[in-house]
């Protein structure tokens, strides 16, 4: 079984689309954990999460995490409710190809600690996401983040995020795992689709110093 972790703080209006792409998976042995983090009880995301999962309520856990203001802290709480040996990340505004999990399972069974996929941006900006296909080395990660966050299937015992690294909590995790000589692999098929907005397309320059510090830490 794979537990899918979906943190819901912003862009919650896209939640039904993300959930729909999970329901459309050819691989069906999954459990969904939705963590509504940093939002008050009155926020419509709580009602939306319940409504959009009503038809399969026995396969979903919805957590109210008002004190988890950042995603890393929320994910650490969510993984405590995971079932099975692996967790997958599906951001609330992203989508999966119907064969996404099915194509990753053979590499999970081969013993890889993290299995990602190739993918594409959609929305206000549309183009392929440049990632390395096949095994990911420490050198690969020193040049850039080779794992699309919403593509990742992670061995549960390694799914631990450092909240102080937001919004680079995923990159820190990959760097840390490869420094520990964990095995990381990318399926070379476009199976993950990352929604782009103008607000997140233009942030990269603000993260350069943090990226450099992480690379030095795990270099």
Protein backbone atom coordinates (compact mmCIF):
# COMPACT_ATOMS: atom_id res chain seq x y z
CA UNK A 1 0.00 0.00 0.00
CA UNK A 2 1.04 3.59 -0.71
CA UNK A 3 -0.23 6.45 1.43
CA UNK A 4 -0.74 9.67 -0.53
CA UNK A 5 -0.02 12.86 1.44
CA UNK A 6 -1.88 15.99 0.32
CA UNK A 7 -1.18 19.20 2.25
CA UNK A 8 -3.94 21.77 1.75
CA UNK A 9 -3.23 25.38 2.70
CA UNK A 10 -3.23 27.35 -0.54
CA UNK A 11 -4.83 26.66 -3.94
CA UNK A 12 -7.43 24.47 -2.24
CA UNK A 13 -9.89 25.26 -5.03
CA UNK A 14 -7.94 22.74 -7.14
CA UNK A 15 -8.34 19.93 -4.61
CA UNK A 16 -11.12 18.07 -6.50
CA UNK A 17 -8.92 17.87 -9.60
CA UNK A 18 -5.97 16.45 -7.65
CA UNK A 19 -8.24 13.95 -5.89
CA UNK A 20 -9.77 13.00 -9.24
CA UNK A 21 -6.34 12.16 -10.65
CA UNK A 22 -5.73 9.92 -7.63
CA UNK A 23 -9.08 8.17 -8.09
CA UNK A 24 -8.16 7.58 -11.73
CA UNK A 25 -4.99 5.61 -10.89
CA UNK A 26 -4.68 2.12 -12.35
CA UNK A 27 -2.84 1.18 -9.14
CA UNK A 28 -5.56 1.10 -6.51
CA UNK A 29 -3.87 0.01 -3.26
CA UNK A 30 -3.60 3.47 -1.71
CA UNK A 31 -4.74 5.48 1.29
CA UNK A 32 -5.13 9.28 1.22
CA UNK A 33 -4.16 11.62 4.05
CA UNK A 34 -5.27 15.25 3.60
CA UNK A 35 -3.68 17.69 6.03
CA UNK A 36 -5.44 21.07 6.20
CA UNK A 37 -2.61 23.08 7.65
CA UNK A 38 -2.46 26.61 8.98
CA UNK A 39 -6.12 27.34 8.26
CA UNK A 40 -8.94 28.16 10.70
CA UNK A 41 -11.84 25.77 11.26
CA UNK A 42 -14.08 28.12 9.30
CA UNK A 43 -12.04 27.84 6.10
CA UNK A 44 -13.99 26.16 3.26
CA UNK A 45 -11.13 23.70 2.68
CA UNK A 46 -12.41 21.60 5.59
CA UNK A 47 -15.85 21.21 4.05
CA UNK A 48 -14.40 20.68 0.57
CA UNK A 49 -12.12 17.89 1.78
CA UNK A 50 -15.05 16.06 3.38
CA UNK A 51 -17.33 16.52 0.39
CA UNK A 52 -14.80 15.44 -2.22
CA UNK A 53 -13.83 12.27 -0.33
CA UNK A 54 -17.28 11.20 0.86
CA UNK A 55 -17.56 8.46 -1.76
CA UNK A 56 -14.42 6.71 -0.48
CA UNK A 57 -14.31 7.85 3.15
CA UNK A 58 -12.89 4.53 4.37
CA UNK A 59 -9.72 5.19 2.36
CA UNK A 60 -9.06 8.72 3.56
CA UNK A 61 -7.87 10.46 6.72
CA UNK A 62 -8.49 14.21 7.04
CA UNK A 63 -6.37 16.06 9.58
CA UNK A 64 -6.98 19.54 10.96
CA UNK A 65 -3.53 21.07 11.50
CA UNK A 66 -4.15 24.76 12.32
CA UNK A 67 -0.81 25.15 14.10
CA UNK A 68 1.27 23.75 11.23
CA UNK A 69 1.95 26.91 9.30
CA UNK A 70 4.48 25.39 6.93
CA UNK A 71 4.34 22.36 4.69
CA UNK A 72 7.24 20.43 6.18
CA UNK A 73 5.72 20.45 9.65
CA UNK A 74 2.36 19.40 8.21
CA UNK A 75 3.90 16.51 6.27
CA UNK A 76 5.66 15.26 9.41
CA UNK A 77 2.29 15.12 11.17
CA UNK A 78 0.56 13.52 8.19
CA UNK A 79 3.10 10.73 7.78
CA UNK A 80 2.28 9.56 11.33
CA UNK A 81 -1.07 8.43 9.89
CA UNK A 82 0.41 6.63 6.89
CA UNK A 83 -0.39 3.02 6.10
CA UNK A 84 2.03 0.74 4.28
CA UNK A 85 5.76 1.10 3.66
CA UNK A 86 5.70 3.99 1.18
CA UNK A 87 4.24 7.48 1.01
CA UNK A 88 3.62 9.59 -2.09
CA UNK A 89 3.33 13.37 -2.34
CA UNK A 90 0.52 14.95 -4.35
CA UNK A 91 0.33 18.72 -4.01
CA UNK A 92 -3.23 19.97 -3.87
CA UNK A 93 -3.00 21.78 -7.22
CA UNK A 94 -1.06 19.14 -9.19
CA UNK A 95 -2.20 16.12 -11.22
CA UNK A 96 -1.08 12.55 -11.92
CA UNK A 97 -1.26 10.52 -15.11
CA UNK A 98 -3.51 7.45 -14.58
CA UNK A 99 -0.50 5.11 -14.90
CA UNK A 100 1.76 7.11 -12.59
CA UNK A 101 1.82 4.86 -9.53
CA UNK A 102 1.67 1.67 -11.61
CA UNK A 103 4.83 2.67 -13.50
CA UNK A 104 6.66 3.45 -10.24
CA UNK A 105 5.81 0.22 -8.43
CA UNK A 106 8.45 -1.96 -10.21
CA UNK A 107 11.20 0.40 -9.01
CA UNK A 108 9.72 0.49 -5.51
CA UNK A 109 9.90 -3.31 -5.52
CA UNK A 110 13.52 -3.15 -6.68
CA UNK A 111 14.37 -1.42 -3.40
CA UNK A 112 14.70 2.25 -4.35
CA UNK A 113 14.14 4.61 -1.42
CA UNK A 114 12.66 7.40 -3.57
CA UNK A 115 11.06 6.99 -6.99
CA UNK A 116 10.06 10.06 -8.98
CA UNK A 117 8.95 10.63 -12.56
CA UNK A 118 9.46 13.07 -15.38
CA UNK A 119 6.73 15.66 -15.76
CA UNK A 120 5.40 18.86 -17.28
CA UNK A 121 4.14 22.24 -16.16
CA UNK A 122 0.59 23.24 -17.01
CA UNK A 123 -1.59 26.24 -16.31
CA UNK A 124 -0.25 29.74 -16.90
CA UNK A 125 3.08 28.30 -18.06
CA UNK A 126 3.36 25.06 -20.03
CA UNK A 127 6.57 23.22 -20.76
CA UNK A 128 8.55 20.12 -19.86
CA UNK A 129 10.28 19.97 -16.47
CA UNK A 130 13.96 19.26 -16.85
CA UNK A 131 14.91 16.35 -14.60
CA UNK A 132 17.44 13.54 -14.83
CA UNK A 133 16.03 10.15 -15.86
CA UNK A 134 17.23 6.96 -14.20
CA UNK A 135 19.37 6.81 -11.06
CA UNK A 136 20.00 10.11 -9.29
CA UNK A 137 23.47 10.79 -7.89
CA UNK A 138 24.74 13.34 -5.39
CA UNK A 139 26.35 15.19 -8.30
CA UNK A 140 23.00 15.37 -10.12
CA UNK A 141 21.38 16.97 -7.07
CA UNK A 142 24.21 19.44 -6.59
CA UNK A 143 23.33 20.85 -10.01
CA UNK A 144 19.60 21.08 -9.36
CA UNK A 145 16.50 19.57 -7.80
CA UNK A 146 16.06 16.38 -9.84
CA UNK A 147 12.89 15.16 -8.13
CA UNK A 148 9.50 16.73 -8.86
CA UNK A 149 7.88 16.97 -5.44
CA UNK A 150 4.45 15.70 -6.56
CA UNK A 151 6.09 12.79 -8.36
CA UNK A 152 7.88 11.34 -5.34
CA UNK A 153 7.14 7.97 -3.79
CA UNK A 154 9.26 7.70 -0.63
CA UNK A 155 10.08 4.82 1.68
CA UNK A 156 8.08 5.70 4.78
CA UNK A 157 11.00 5.43 7.21
CA UNK A 158 12.83 8.19 5.29
CA UNK A 159 9.85 10.57 5.01
CA UNK A 160 10.96 13.25 7.45
CA UNK A 161 11.10 16.92 6.56
CA UNK A 162 12.97 19.79 8.22
CA UNK A 163 10.41 22.62 8.48
CA UNK A 164 13.03 25.38 8.71
CA UNK A 165 13.94 24.72 5.07
CA UNK A 166 10.57 25.77 3.62
CA UNK A 167 9.99 26.26 0.72
CA UNK A 168 12.91 23.97 -0.12
CA UNK A 169 11.90 21.17 2.25
CA UNK A 170 11.75 18.66 -0.61
CA UNK A 171 15.19 19.57 -2.00
CA UNK A 172 16.73 19.30 1.48
CA UNK A 173 15.21 15.82 1.86
CA UNK A 174 16.62 14.55 -1.45
CA UNK A 175 20.08 15.99 -0.68
CA UNK A 176 20.04 14.44 2.79
CA UNK A 177 18.96 11.02 1.52
CA UNK A 178 21.52 10.85 -1.25
CA UNK A 179 24.20 11.92 1.26
CA UNK A 180 23.07 8.90 3.33
CA UNK A 181 23.60 6.77 0.21
CA UNK A 182 19.90 6.07 -0.26
CA UNK A 183 18.83 4.99 -3.74
CA UNK A 184 16.84 7.49 -5.81
CA UNK A 185 15.40 6.88 -9.28
CA UNK A 186 13.34 8.84 -11.80
CA UNK A 187 11.01 7.04 -14.21
CA UNK A 188 11.64 8.72 -17.55
CA UNK A 189 8.00 9.22 -18.48
CA UNK A 190 5.90 12.35 -18.11
CA UNK A 191 3.51 11.13 -15.42
CA UNK A 192 3.32 14.18 -13.10
CA UNK A 193 1.79 17.54 -14.00
CA UNK A 194 2.67 20.61 -11.94
CA UNK A 195 0.31 23.56 -12.02
CA UNK A 196 2.04 26.90 -12.55
CA UNK A 197 0.80 30.30 -11.42
CA UNK A 198 2.53 33.63 -11.90
CA UNK A 199 3.00 33.78 -8.15
CA UNK A 200 5.15 30.64 -7.97
CA UNK A 201 6.84 30.99 -11.39
CA UNK A 202 8.80 34.08 -10.30
CA UNK A 203 10.09 33.02 -6.86
CA UNK A 204 13.25 31.10 -7.82
CA UNK A 205 15.58 34.08 -7.52
CA UNK A 206 14.57 34.60 -3.90
CA UNK A 207 15.74 31.08 -3.00
CA UNK A 208 19.26 31.19 -4.44
CA UNK A 209 21.06 31.76 -1.12
CA UNK A 210 19.09 28.98 0.60
CA UNK A 211 19.82 26.60 -2.29
CA UNK A 212 23.54 27.37 -2.08
CA UNK A 213 23.55 26.77 1.68
CA UNK A 214 21.88 23.37 1.27
CA UNK A 215 24.34 22.32 -1.40
CA UNK A 216 27.27 23.28 0.80
CA UNK A 217 25.74 21.42 3.74
CA UNK A 218 25.42 18.17 1.81
CA UNK A 219 28.22 18.65 -0.73
